[in-house]
Amino acid sequence: MGRKIIGAVIISAVVTVATVYMLNKQTPEVVNVVDADFVTVNGKNLSRKMLIEEMRFRGAITPGVLKDSEALKSIMDEIVITEVMAQKAIENGLDKSPKIAMTIKKLLANEYRNSVIKPQLKQLIITKQEIEEAYEENIGKYSTPAMAKAAVIFMQYPHGDIKNNLNLLKDITKLKKAAEKQSKSIVGFGELAKKHSDDMRSKYRGGVLNWVSKGTMIQRLDKEIVNAIFEVKTLGDISPIIETSRGLALVKLLEERTPKLKSINVVENTIRNQLLEQKKQQFLTEFYDDLKGESDIENHSKVVGLLLKEQERQSKNKNEMSLTSPPMFPVN
């Protein structure tokens, strides 16, 4: 009988809330009205506001859903059961467990963060002047680097033996003279690369490399080779002989792209977002430092040291146990 009465009260209350809400769709603040006790579970009052917020969280406060009394009854039943179980948990002392206590603290801290800190973060702005100053200070970041396309002939020292480089030097000197006499219609170094280059990825393409950005490195090629590409001044010219720790090389400049500066209008949003993130982090650091400064915090460093010692002790005990434990399988 008692259950039927409670059920009737719940359904009646929900219908009342639904009716009020549907009649006041244009003024949703009515759901926040504090009124008399709404539902009672074992003498504990559940307010109308709390129940409405819970149903809103579950997606029940939307036009159409409120017309389904069975769906609302199911939600209300679950809320009541949750309250009953929570009361039982408190009776059994479960609310005193460290896990529950820390969960509650985290929820409260998150609520404080959402209600106090977030609104202040939203008020942070980045001015046009700040964007312009950041653009000028970091203008190199907003330029596309110089790029070049080149061909290479790389001749590796025999078995890494640099003592024999005189013979290799004679060979590559001849190759340089031959390359300078080649027709301009030949792609890269043409057959010379195919026959003599030790760079396997490019030799069958006349030594032609992909586009290279100034300052970047190609893993398979020494930095001296990449740097030499940007030291050749004229298209079609061939570099002096390049000496590296692994061998000798020639590069031929085929195409080039000059650096291009991105306008401030193009990168304005990127700069604003970066500055805003920096300003938020600075605000949070100062805010948290102020919070700690206002609080009486003791033994912080001492406890950190104790925790580290405890971890070391547990790790040592674990290692000792593994050494003294019997083998998992019998030893013959």
C-alpha atoms as a PDB file:
ATOM      1  CA  MET A   1       0.000   0.000   0.000  1.00  0.00           C
ATOM      2  CA  GLY A   2       2.835   2.359   0.958  1.00  0.00           C
ATOM      3  CA  ARG A   3       4.548   1.768  -2.375  1.00  0.00           C
ATOM      4  CA  LYS A   4       1.360   2.567  -4.291  1.00  0.00           C
ATOM      5  CA  ILE A   5       0.990   5.824  -2.390  1.00  0.00           C
ATOM      6  CA  ILE A   6       4.616   6.812  -3.080  1.00  0.00           C
ATOM      7  CA  GLY A   7       4.197   5.844  -6.732  1.00  0.00           C
ATOM      8  CA  ALA A   8       1.051   7.921  -6.970  1.00  0.00           C
ATOM      9  CA  VAL A   9       2.803  10.878  -5.372  1.00  0.00           C
ATOM     10  CA  ILE A  10       5.707  10.553  -7.791  1.00  0.00           C
ATOM     11  CA  ILE A  11       3.527  10.320 -10.887  1.00  0.00           C
ATOM     12  CA  SER A  12       1.321  13.166  -9.713  1.00  0.00           C
ATOM     13  CA  ALA A  13       4.366  15.320  -9.006  1.00  0.00           C
ATOM     14  CA  VAL A  14       5.911  14.578 -12.376  1.00  0.00           C
ATOM     15  CA  VAL A  15       2.691  15.349 -14.208  1.00  0.00           C
ATOM     16  CA  THR A  16       2.494  18.643 -12.298  1.00  0.00           C
ATOM     17  CA  VAL A  17       6.034  19.542 -13.313  1.00  0.00           C
ATOM     18  CA  ALA A  18       5.352  18.523 -16.893  1.00  0.00           C
ATOM     19  CA  THR A  19       2.227  20.641 -17.044  1.00  0.00           C
ATOM     20  CA  VAL A  20       3.964  23.685 -15.581  1.00  0.00           C
ATOM     21  CA  TYR A  21       6.861  23.287 -17.984  1.00  0.00           C
ATOM     22  CA  MET A  22       4.714  22.849 -21.063  1.00  0.00           C
ATOM     23  CA  LEU A  23       2.657  25.907 -20.138  1.00  0.00           C
ATOM     24  CA  ASN A  24       5.782  27.977 -19.622  1.00  0.00           C
ATOM     25  CA  LYS A  25       8.071  26.820 -22.433  1.00  0.00           C
ATOM     26  CA  GLN A  26       9.041  30.406 -23.149  1.00  0.00           C
ATOM     27  CA  THR A  27      10.138  30.974 -19.512  1.00  0.00           C
ATOM     28  CA  PRO A  28      12.195  27.900 -18.539  1.00  0.00           C
ATOM     29  CA  GLU A  29      13.240  29.558 -15.280  1.00  0.00           C
ATOM     30  CA  VAL A  30      10.031  28.215 -13.686  1.00  0.00           C
ATOM     31  CA  VAL A  31      11.783  24.869 -13.211  1.00  0.00           C
ATOM     32  CA  ASN A  32      14.094  26.528 -10.695  1.00  0.00           C
ATOM     33  CA  VAL A  33      11.313  27.669  -8.368  1.00  0.00           C
ATOM     34  CA  VAL A  34      11.946  26.526  -4.792  1.00  0.00           C
ATOM     35  CA  ASP A  35       8.696  25.218  -3.361  1.00  0.00           C
ATOM     36  CA  ALA A  36       7.456  22.731  -0.777  1.00  0.00           C
ATOM     37  CA  ASP A  37       8.970  19.282  -0.435  1.00  0.00           C
ATOM     38  CA  PHE A  38       8.357  17.307  -3.586  1.00  0.00           C
ATOM     39  CA  VAL A  39       9.183  13.672  -2.865  1.00  0.00           C
ATOM     40  CA  THR A  40      10.176  12.073   0.447  1.00  0.00           C
ATOM     41  CA  VAL A  41      12.252   8.911   0.803  1.00  0.00           C
ATOM     42  CA  ASN A  42      12.650   7.572   4.363  1.00  0.00           C
ATOM     43  CA  GLY A  43      12.024  11.039   5.707  1.00  0.00           C
ATOM     44  CA  LYS A  44      14.584  12.696   3.394  1.00  0.00           C
ATOM     45  CA  ASN A  45      13.169  15.380   1.152  1.00  0.00           C
ATOM     46  CA  LEU A  46      14.053  15.539  -2.525  1.00  0.00           C
ATOM     47  CA  SER A  47      13.369  19.028  -3.798  1.00  0.00           C
ATOM     48  CA  ARG A  48      11.555  19.860  -7.008  1.00  0.00           C
ATOM     49  CA  LYS A  49      14.618  21.703  -8.295  1.00  0.00           C
ATOM     50  CA  MET A  50      16.899  18.714  -7.770  1.00  0.00           C
ATOM     51  CA  LEU A  51      14.517  16.344  -9.532  1.00  0.00           C
ATOM     52  CA  ILE A  52      14.000  18.701 -12.471  1.00  0.00           C
ATOM     53  CA  GLU A  53      17.760  19.104 -12.874  1.00  0.00           C
ATOM     54  CA  GLU A  54      18.197  15.343 -12.777  1.00  0.00           C
ATOM     55  CA  MET A  55      15.558  14.846 -15.465  1.00  0.00           C
ATOM     56  CA  ARG A  56      17.087  17.579 -17.581  1.00  0.00           C
ATOM     57  CA  PHE A  57      20.443  15.814 -17.287  1.00  0.00           C
ATOM     58  CA  ARG A  58      18.795  12.630 -18.542  1.00  0.00           C
ATOM     59  CA  GLY A  59      17.239  14.445 -21.503  1.00  0.00           C
ATOM     60  CA  ALA A  60      13.680  14.243 -20.197  1.00  0.00           C
ATOM     61  CA  ILE A  61      12.958  17.980 -20.207  1.00  0.00           C
ATOM     62  CA  THR A  62      12.306  18.292 -23.921  1.00  0.00           C
ATOM     63  CA  PRO A  63       9.025  18.861 -25.748  1.00  0.00           C
ATOM     64  CA  GLY A  64       7.279  15.597 -26.476  1.00  0.00           C
ATOM     65  CA  VAL A  65       9.133  13.431 -23.976  1.00  0.00           C
ATOM     66  CA  LEU A  66       7.153  14.971 -21.112  1.00  0.00           C
ATOM     67  CA  LYS A  67       3.948  13.562 -22.578  1.00  0.00           C
ATOM     68  CA  ASP A  68       5.157  10.012 -21.920  1.00  0.00           C
ATOM     69  CA  SER A  69       4.167   9.376 -18.309  1.00  0.00           C
ATOM     70  CA  GLU A  70       5.674   5.864 -18.365  1.00  0.00           C
ATOM     71  CA  ALA A  71       9.084   7.193 -19.369  1.00  0.00           C
ATOM     72  CA  LEU A  72       8.906   9.824 -16.632  1.00  0.00           C
ATOM     73  CA  LYS A  73       7.781   7.241 -14.079  1.00  0.00           C
ATOM     74  CA  SER A  74      10.755   5.081 -15.016  1.00  0.00           C
ATOM     75  CA  ILE A  75      13.125   8.011 -14.499  1.00  0.00           C
ATOM     76  CA  MET A  76      11.516   8.914 -11.190  1.00  0.00           C
ATOM     77  CA  ASP A  77      11.671   5.298  -9.997  1.00  0.00           C
ATOM     78  CA  GLU A  78      15.372   5.197 -10.785  1.00  0.00           C
ATOM     79  CA  ILE A  79      15.957   8.450  -8.895  1.00  0.00           C
ATOM     80  CA  VAL A  80      14.126   7.083  -5.868  1.00  0.00           C
ATOM     81  CA  ILE A  81      16.054   3.781  -5.983  1.00  0.00           C
ATOM     82  CA  THR A  82      19.308   5.725  -6.242  1.00  0.00           C
ATOM     83  CA  GLU A  83      18.338   7.718  -3.143  1.00  0.00           C
ATOM     84  CA  VAL A  84      17.443   4.539  -1.236  1.00  0.00           C
ATOM     85  CA  MET A  85      20.735   2.858  -2.111  1.00  0.00           C
ATOM     86  CA  ALA A  86      22.672   6.013  -1.236  1.00  0.00           C
ATOM     87  CA  GLN A  87      21.034   6.077   2.165  1.00  0.00           C
ATOM     88  CA  LYS A  88      21.907   2.398   2.679  1.00  0.00           C
ATOM     89  CA  ALA A  89      25.497   3.086   1.660  1.00  0.00           C
ATOM     90  CA  ILE A  90      25.729   5.864   4.266  1.00  0.00           C
ATOM     91  CA  GLU A  91      24.232   3.547   6.897  1.00  0.00           C
ATOM     92  CA  ASN A  92      26.995   1.049   6.131  1.00  0.00           C
ATOM     93  CA  GLY A  93      29.685   3.726   6.363  1.00  0.00           C
ATOM     94  CA  LEU A  94      30.630   3.581   2.694  1.00  0.00           C
ATOM     95  CA  ASP A  95      30.586   7.366   2.493  1.00  0.00           C
ATOM     96  CA  LYS A  96      33.651   7.358   4.760  1.00  0.00           C
ATOM     97  CA  SER A  97      35.837   5.392   2.322  1.00  0.00           C
ATOM     98  CA  PRO A  98      38.832   7.306   0.849  1.00  0.00           C
ATOM     99  CA  LYS A  99      37.654   6.485  -2.669  1.00  0.00           C
ATOM    100  CA  ILE A 100      34.245   8.103  -2.136  1.00  0.00           C
ATOM    101  CA  ALA A 101      35.732  11.041  -0.276  1.00  0.00           C
ATOM    102  CA  MET A 102      38.201  11.752  -3.097  1.00  0.00           C
ATOM    103  CA  THR A 103      35.471  11.359  -5.745  1.00  0.00           C
ATOM    104  CA  ILE A 104      33.298  13.901  -3.935  1.00  0.00           C
ATOM    105  CA  LYS A 105      36.232  16.294  -3.606  1.00  0.00           C
ATOM    106  CA  LYS A 106      36.990  16.011  -7.308  1.00  0.00           C
ATOM    107  CA  LEU A 107      33.346  16.670  -8.178  1.00  0.00           C
ATOM    108  CA  LEU A 108      33.308  19.719  -5.919  1.00  0.00           C
ATOM    109  CA  ALA A 109      36.611  20.964  -7.345  1.00  0.00           C
ATOM    110  CA  ASN A 110      35.284  20.496 -10.883  1.00  0.00           C
ATOM    111  CA  GLU A 111      32.096  22.368 -10.002  1.00  0.00           C
ATOM    112  CA  TYR A 112      34.194  25.202  -8.547  1.00  0.00           C
ATOM    113  CA  ARG A 113      36.278  25.208 -11.710  1.00  0.00           C
ATOM    114  CA  ASN A 114      33.165  25.410 -13.905  1.00  0.00           C
ATOM    115  CA  SER A 115      31.362  28.055 -11.866  1.00  0.00           C
ATOM    116  CA  VAL A 116      34.278  30.276 -10.809  1.00  0.00           C
ATOM    117  CA  ILE A 117      37.308  29.736 -13.039  1.00  0.00           C
ATOM    118  CA  LYS A 118      35.743  29.085 -16.457  1.00  0.00           C
ATOM    119  CA  PRO A 119      33.744  32.341 -16.512  1.00  0.00           C
ATOM    120  CA  GLN A 120      36.973  34.249 -15.871  1.00  0.00           C
ATOM    121  CA  LEU A 121      38.786  32.338 -18.607  1.00  0.00           C
ATOM    122  CA  LYS A 122      36.025  33.289 -21.041  1.00  0.00           C
ATOM    123  CA  GLN A 123      36.680  36.960 -20.311  1.00  0.00           C
ATOM    124  CA  LEU A 124      40.298  36.734 -21.448  1.00  0.00           C
ATOM    125  CA  ILE A 125      40.857  38.454 -24.791  1.00  0.00           C
ATOM    126  CA  ILE A 126      43.754  38.907 -27.209  1.00  0.00           C
ATOM    127  CA  THR A 127      44.130  42.401 -28.613  1.00  0.00           C
ATOM    128  CA  LYS A 128      45.086  43.317 -32.157  1.00  0.00           C
ATOM    129  CA  GLN A 129      48.299  44.838 -30.835  1.00  0.00           C
ATOM    130  CA  GLU A 130      49.268  41.575 -29.101  1.00  0.00           C
ATOM    131  CA  ILE A 131      48.739  39.674 -32.358  1.00  0.00           C
ATOM    132  CA  GLU A 132      50.841  42.161 -34.329  1.00  0.00           C
ATOM    133  CA  GLU A 133      53.678  42.026 -31.790  1.00  0.00           C
ATOM    134  CA  ALA A 134      53.685  38.219 -31.793  1.00  0.00           C
ATOM    135  CA  TYR A 135      53.716  38.233 -35.589  1.00  0.00           C
ATOM    136  CA  GLU A 136      56.740  40.546 -35.725  1.00  0.00           C
ATOM    137  CA  GLU A 137      58.623  38.639 -33.021  1.00  0.00           C
ATOM    138  CA  ASN A 138      58.101  35.267 -34.706  1.00  0.00           C
ATOM    139  CA  ILE A 139      57.947  36.298 -38.338  1.00  0.00           C
ATOM    140  CA  GLY A 140      60.252  33.439 -39.306  1.00  0.00           C
ATOM    141  CA  LYS A 141      57.574  30.958 -38.261  1.00  0.00           C
ATOM    142  CA  TYR A 142      55.131  32.440 -40.731  1.00  0.00           C
ATOM    143  CA  SER A 143      57.374  32.155 -43.793  1.00  0.00           C
ATOM    144  CA  THR A 144      57.511  29.174 -46.085  1.00  0.00           C
ATOM    145  CA  PRO A 145      61.197  28.163 -46.315  1.00  0.00           C
ATOM    146  CA  ALA A 146      63.305  28.286 -49.440  1.00  0.00           C
ATOM    147  CA  MET A 147      62.946  25.058 -51.413  1.00  0.00           C
ATOM    148  CA  ALA A 148      64.967  23.505 -54.174  1.00  0.00           C
ATOM    149  CA  LYS A 149      64.926  20.535 -56.504  1.00  0.00           C
ATOM    150  CA  ALA A 150      68.293  19.059 -57.352  1.00  0.00           C
ATOM    151  CA  ALA A 151      70.048  16.010 -58.711  1.00  0.00           C
ATOM    152  CA  VAL A 152      72.856  14.241 -56.879  1.00  0.00           C
ATOM    153  CA  ILE A 153      75.695  11.890 -57.654  1.00  0.00           C
ATOM    154  CA  PHE A 154      76.994  10.288 -54.466  1.00  0.00           C
ATOM    155  CA  MET A 155      80.084   8.085 -54.536  1.00  0.00           C
ATOM    156  CA  GLN A 156      80.734   6.225 -51.315  1.00  0.00           C
ATOM    157  CA  TYR A 157      84.222   5.524 -50.010  1.00  0.00           C
ATOM    158  CA  PRO A 158      85.123   1.868 -50.710  1.00  0.00           C
ATOM    159  CA  HIS A 159      84.109  -0.018 -47.567  1.00  0.00           C
ATOM    160  CA  GLY A 160      84.194   3.276 -45.684  1.00  0.00           C
ATOM    161  CA  ASP A 161      87.954   3.531 -46.217  1.00  0.00           C
ATOM    162  CA  ILE A 162      88.767   7.233 -46.608  1.00  0.00           C
ATOM    163  CA  LYS A 163      92.437   6.381 -47.341  1.00  0.00           C
ATOM    164  CA  ASN A 164      91.388   5.502 -50.890  1.00  0.00           C
ATOM    165  CA  ASN A 165      89.612   8.811 -51.465  1.00  0.00           C
ATOM    166  CA  LEU A 166      92.320  10.068 -53.850  1.00  0.00           C
ATOM    167  CA  ASN A 167      91.184   7.560 -56.462  1.00  0.00           C
ATOM    168  CA  LEU A 168      87.548   8.441 -55.759  1.00  0.00           C
ATOM    169  CA  LEU A 169      88.411  12.125 -56.036  1.00  0.00           C
ATOM    170  CA  LYS A 170      89.899  11.563 -59.498  1.00  0.00           C
ATOM    171  CA  ASP A 171      86.784   9.657 -60.581  1.00  0.00           C
ATOM    172  CA  ILE A 172      84.311  12.272 -59.396  1.00  0.00           C
ATOM    173  CA  THR A 173      86.416  15.073 -60.888  1.00  0.00           C
ATOM    174  CA  LYS A 174      86.076  13.381 -64.290  1.00  0.00           C
ATOM    175  CA  LEU A 175      82.336  12.973 -63.694  1.00  0.00           C
ATOM    176  CA  LYS A 176      81.988  16.686 -62.924  1.00  0.00           C
ATOM    177  CA  LYS A 177      83.664  17.647 -66.199  1.00  0.00           C
ATOM    178  CA  ALA A 178      81.484  15.188 -68.103  1.00  0.00           C
ATOM    179  CA  ALA A 179      78.333  16.486 -66.405  1.00  0.00           C
ATOM    180  CA  GLU A 180      79.176  20.080 -67.316  1.00  0.00           C
ATOM    181  CA  LYS A 181      79.327  19.062 -70.981  1.00  0.00           C
ATOM    182  CA  GLN A 182      75.934  17.333 -70.939  1.00  0.00           C
ATOM    183  CA  SER A 183      73.010  18.688 -72.902  1.00  0.00           C
ATOM    184  CA  LYS A 184      70.609  20.846 -70.862  1.00  0.00           C
ATOM    185  CA  SER A 185      67.764  18.625 -72.055  1.00  0.00           C
ATOM    186  CA  ILE A 186      69.073  15.684 -69.976  1.00  0.00           C
ATOM    187  CA  VAL A 187      67.154  15.113 -66.763  1.00  0.00           C
ATOM    188  CA  GLY A 188      69.463  15.653 -63.804  1.00  0.00           C
ATOM    189  CA  PHE A 189      72.763  13.860 -64.348  1.00  0.00           C
ATOM    190  CA  GLY A 190      71.129  11.328 -66.680  1.00  0.00           C
ATOM    191  CA  GLU A 191      73.189   8.193 -67.379  1.00  0.00           C
ATOM    192  CA  LEU A 192      76.097   9.461 -65.282  1.00  0.00           C
ATOM    193  CA  ALA A 193      74.031   9.075 -62.118  1.00  0.00           C
ATOM    194  CA  LYS A 194      72.682   5.704 -63.229  1.00  0.00           C
ATOM    195  CA  LYS A 195      76.189   4.327 -63.780  1.00  0.00           C
ATOM    196  CA  HIS A 196      78.144   5.951 -60.947  1.00  0.00           C
ATOM    197  CA  SER A 197      75.897   7.152 -58.102  1.00  0.00           C
ATOM    198  CA  ASP A 198      75.603   5.088 -54.924  1.00  0.00           C
ATOM    199  CA  ASP A 199      72.345   6.760 -53.872  1.00  0.00           C
ATOM    200  CA  MET A 200      70.026   3.905 -54.817  1.00  0.00           C
ATOM    201  CA  ARG A 201      66.789   5.909 -54.516  1.00  0.00           C
ATOM    202  CA  SER A 202      67.735   8.544 -57.086  1.00  0.00           C
ATOM    203  CA  LYS A 203      70.339   7.001 -59.421  1.00  0.00           C
ATOM    204  CA  TYR A 204      67.773   5.516 -61.826  1.00  0.00           C
ATOM    205  CA  ARG A 205      66.050   8.912 -62.106  1.00  0.00           C
ATOM    206  CA  GLY A 206      69.193  10.712 -63.169  1.00  0.00           C
ATOM    207  CA  GLY A 207      69.981  11.460 -59.518  1.00  0.00           C
ATOM    208  CA  VAL A 208      66.893  13.686 -59.189  1.00  0.00           C
ATOM    209  CA  LEU A 209      65.728  14.230 -55.596  1.00  0.00           C
ATOM    210  CA  ASN A 210      62.320  15.363 -54.365  1.00  0.00           C
ATOM    211  CA  TRP A 211      61.816  18.978 -53.304  1.00  0.00           C
ATOM    212  CA  VAL A 212      64.006  19.842 -50.302  1.00  0.00           C
ATOM    213  CA  SER A 213      63.369  22.614 -47.758  1.00  0.00           C
ATOM    214  CA  LYS A 214      66.297  24.671 -46.592  1.00  0.00           C
ATOM    215  CA  GLY A 215      67.437  23.593 -43.160  1.00  0.00           C
ATOM    216  CA  THR A 216      65.835  20.147 -43.296  1.00  0.00           C
ATOM    217  CA  MET A 217      67.786  16.927 -43.450  1.00  0.00           C
ATOM    218  CA  ILE A 218      67.417  13.873 -45.665  1.00  0.00           C
ATOM    219  CA  GLN A 219      68.163  10.811 -43.601  1.00  0.00           C
ATOM    220  CA  ARG A 220      70.090   8.924 -46.263  1.00  0.00           C
ATOM    221  CA  LEU A 221      72.154  11.947 -47.390  1.00  0.00           C
ATOM    222  CA  ASP A 222      74.756  13.808 -45.374  1.00  0.00           C
ATOM    223  CA  LYS A 223      73.964  17.361 -44.295  1.00  0.00           C
ATOM    224  CA  GLU A 224      76.847  18.692 -46.428  1.00  0.00           C
ATOM    225  CA  ILE A 225      75.013  17.506 -49.544  1.00  0.00           C
ATOM    226  CA  VAL A 226      71.706  19.132 -48.558  1.00  0.00           C
ATOM    227  CA  ASN A 227      73.434  22.391 -47.619  1.00  0.00           C
ATOM    228  CA  ALA A 228      75.309  22.444 -50.934  1.00  0.00           C
ATOM    229  CA  ILE A 229      72.012  22.417 -52.859  1.00  0.00           C
ATOM    230  CA  PHE A 230      71.219  25.908 -51.536  1.00  0.00           C
ATOM    231  CA  GLU A 231      74.737  27.189 -52.179  1.00  0.00           C
ATOM    232  CA  VAL A 232      74.430  26.751 -55.953  1.00  0.00           C
ATOM    233  CA  LYS A 233      73.391  30.134 -57.294  1.00  0.00           C
ATOM    234  CA  THR A 234      72.231  29.441 -60.859  1.00  0.00           C
ATOM    235  CA  LEU A 235      69.799  26.886 -62.244  1.00  0.00           C
ATOM    236  CA  GLY A 236      71.618  24.150 -64.120  1.00  0.00           C
ATOM    237  CA  ASP A 237      74.927  24.787 -62.352  1.00  0.00           C
ATOM    238  CA  ILE A 238      76.833  22.019 -60.623  1.00  0.00           C
ATOM    239  CA  SER A 239      78.342  22.382 -57.165  1.00  0.00           C
ATOM    240  CA  PRO A 240      82.003  21.970 -56.329  1.00  0.00           C
ATOM    241  CA  ILE A 241      82.915  18.462 -55.165  1.00  0.00           C
ATOM    242  CA  ILE A 242      81.339  17.870 -51.757  1.00  0.00           C
ATOM    243  CA  GLU A 243      83.260  15.873 -49.174  1.00  0.00           C
ATOM    244  CA  THR A 244      81.417  14.056 -46.384  1.00  0.00           C
ATOM    245  CA  SER A 245      82.373  11.446 -43.809  1.00  0.00           C
ATOM    246  CA  ARG A 246      80.947   8.723 -46.071  1.00  0.00           C
ATOM    247  CA  GLY A 247      82.008   9.775 -49.520  1.00  0.00           C
ATOM    248  CA  LEU A 248      82.084  12.448 -52.224  1.00  0.00           C
ATOM    249  CA  ALA A 249      79.174  14.043 -54.052  1.00  0.00           C
ATOM    250  CA  LEU A 250      78.014  16.495 -56.698  1.00  0.00           C
ATOM    251  CA  VAL A 251      74.677  18.312 -56.811  1.00  0.00           C
ATOM    252  CA  LYS A 252      73.020  20.051 -59.732  1.00  0.00           C
ATOM    253  CA  LEU A 253      70.384  22.729 -59.098  1.00  0.00           C
ATOM    254  CA  LEU A 254      67.259  22.085 -61.192  1.00  0.00           C
ATOM    255  CA  GLU A 255      64.479  24.296 -59.727  1.00  0.00           C
ATOM    256  CA  GLU A 256      64.038  26.608 -56.768  1.00  0.00           C
ATOM    257  CA  ARG A 257      61.316  28.350 -54.802  1.00  0.00           C
ATOM    258  CA  THR A 258      62.045  31.505 -52.840  1.00  0.00           C
ATOM    259  CA  PRO A 259      60.766  31.947 -49.264  1.00  0.00           C
ATOM    260  CA  LYS A 260      57.259  33.363 -49.062  1.00  0.00           C
ATOM    261  CA  LEU A 261      55.945  35.332 -46.105  1.00  0.00           C
ATOM    262  CA  LYS A 262      52.386  34.587 -44.986  1.00  0.00           C
ATOM    263  CA  SER A 263      50.415  37.758 -44.368  1.00  0.00           C
ATOM    264  CA  ILE A 264      49.211  38.551 -40.870  1.00  0.00           C
ATOM    265  CA  ASN A 265      45.605  38.126 -42.056  1.00  0.00           C
ATOM    266  CA  VAL A 266      46.304  34.502 -42.955  1.00  0.00           C
ATOM    267  CA  VAL A 267      47.869  33.575 -39.600  1.00  0.00           C
ATOM    268  CA  GLU A 268      45.882  35.911 -37.341  1.00  0.00           C
ATOM    269  CA  ASN A 269      43.557  33.211 -35.943  1.00  0.00           C
ATOM    270  CA  THR A 270      46.458  30.839 -35.340  1.00  0.00           C
ATOM    271  CA  ILE A 271      48.359  33.502 -33.414  1.00  0.00           C
ATOM    272  CA  ARG A 272      45.256  34.488 -31.439  1.00  0.00           C
ATOM    273  CA  ASN A 273      44.612  30.881 -30.383  1.00  0.00           C
ATOM    274  CA  GLN A 274      48.238  30.394 -29.364  1.00  0.00           C
ATOM    275  CA  LEU A 275      48.319  33.602 -27.342  1.00  0.00           C
ATOM    276  CA  LEU A 276      44.964  32.830 -25.745  1.00  0.00           C
ATOM    277  CA  GLU A 277      46.156  29.404 -24.666  1.00  0.00           C
ATOM    278  CA  GLN A 278      49.309  30.947 -23.186  1.00  0.00           C
ATOM    279  CA  LYS A 279      47.243  33.561 -21.369  1.00  0.00           C
ATOM    280  CA  LYS A 280      44.914  30.877 -19.993  1.00  0.00           C
ATOM    281  CA  GLN A 281      47.824  28.820 -18.700  1.00  0.00           C
ATOM    282  CA  GLN A 282      49.358  31.899 -17.076  1.00  0.00           C
ATOM    283  CA  PHE A 283      46.011  32.791 -15.496  1.00  0.00           C
ATOM    284  CA  LEU A 284      45.530  29.268 -14.134  1.00  0.00           C
ATOM    285  CA  THR A 285      49.063  29.143 -12.726  1.00  0.00           C
ATOM    286  CA  GLU A 286      48.593  32.469 -10.938  1.00  0.00           C
ATOM    287  CA  PHE A 287      45.058  31.532  -9.798  1.00  0.00           C
ATOM    288  CA  TYR A 288      46.180  28.212  -8.300  1.00  0.00           C
ATOM    289  CA  ASP A 289      49.222  29.853  -6.701  1.00  0.00           C
ATOM    290  CA  ASP A 290      46.911  32.420  -5.081  1.00  0.00           C
ATOM    291  CA  LEU A 291      44.614  29.651  -3.825  1.00  0.00           C
ATOM    292  CA  LYS A 292      47.529  27.840  -2.241  1.00  0.00           C
ATOM    293  CA  GLY A 293      48.870  31.119  -0.859  1.00  0.00           C
ATOM    294  CA  GLU A 294      45.546  31.804   0.882  1.00  0.00           C
ATOM    295  CA  SER A 295      45.502  28.317   2.419  1.00  0.00           C
ATOM    296  CA  ASP A 296      47.356  26.951   5.419  1.00  0.00           C
ATOM    297  CA  ILE A 297      49.269  24.042   3.847  1.00  0.00           C
ATOM    298  CA  GLU A 298      51.681  22.092   6.025  1.00  0.00           C
ATOM    299  CA  ASN A 299      54.094  19.204   5.493  1.00  0.00           C
ATOM    300  CA  HIS A 300      53.703  19.294   1.699  1.00  0.00           C
ATOM    301  CA  SER A 301      57.369  18.644   0.886  1.00  0.00           C
ATOM    302  CA  LYS A 302      57.741  16.264   3.815  1.00  0.00           C
ATOM    303  CA  VAL A 303      54.866  14.056   2.667  1.00  0.00           C
ATOM    304  CA  VAL A 304      56.162  13.988  -0.920  1.00  0.00           C
ATOM    305  CA  GLY A 305      59.451  12.662   0.410  1.00  0.00           C
ATOM    306  CA  LEU A 306      57.689  10.056   2.525  1.00  0.00           C
ATOM    307  CA  LEU A 307      55.658   8.862  -0.462  1.00  0.00           C
ATOM    308  CA  LEU A 308      58.791   8.472  -2.548  1.00  0.00           C
ATOM    309  CA  LYS A 309      60.423   6.429   0.209  1.00  0.00           C
ATOM    310  CA  GLU A 310      57.307   4.277   0.483  1.00  0.00           C
ATOM    311  CA  GLN A 311      57.407   3.569  -3.243  1.00  0.00           C
ATOM    312  CA  GLU A 312      61.064   2.617  -3.014  1.00  0.00           C
ATOM    313  CA  ARG A 313      60.331   0.308  -0.085  1.00  0.00           C
ATOM    314  CA  GLN A 314      57.459  -1.411  -1.911  1.00  0.00           C
ATOM    315  CA  SER A 315      59.574  -1.822  -5.038  1.00  0.00           C
ATOM    316  CA  LYS A 316      62.421  -3.321  -2.987  1.00  0.00           C
ATOM    317  CA  ASN A 317      60.056  -5.748  -1.236  1.00  0.00           C
ATOM    318  CA  LYS A 318      58.570  -6.781  -4.577  1.00  0.00           C
ATOM    319  CA  ASN A 319      62.025  -7.523  -6.008  1.00  0.00           C
ATOM    320  CA  GLU A 320      63.018  -9.512  -2.917  1.00  0.00           C
ATOM    321  CA  MET A 321      59.816 -11.569  -3.117  1.00  0.00           C
ATOM    322  CA  SER A 322      60.435 -12.386  -6.773  1.00  0.00           C
ATOM    323  CA  LEU A 323      63.942 -13.615  -5.924  1.00  0.00           C
ATOM    324  CA  THR A 324      62.766 -15.869  -3.100  1.00  0.00           C
ATOM    325  CA  SER A 325      59.604 -17.165  -4.789  1.00  0.00           C
ATOM    326  CA  PRO A 326      59.714 -20.788  -6.000  1.00  0.00           C
ATOM    327  CA  PRO A 327      60.015 -21.351  -9.771  1.00  0.00           C
ATOM    328  CA  MET A 328      56.762 -21.596 -11.664  1.00  0.00           C
ATOM    329  CA  PHE A 329      57.843 -24.877 -13.270  1.00  0.00           C
ATOM    330  CA  PRO A 330      59.774 -27.786 -11.720  1.00  0.00           C
ATOM    331  CA  VAL A 331      63.504 -27.680 -12.316  1.00  0.00           C
ATOM    332  CA  ASN A 332      65.130 -30.967 -13.351  1.00  0.00           C
END
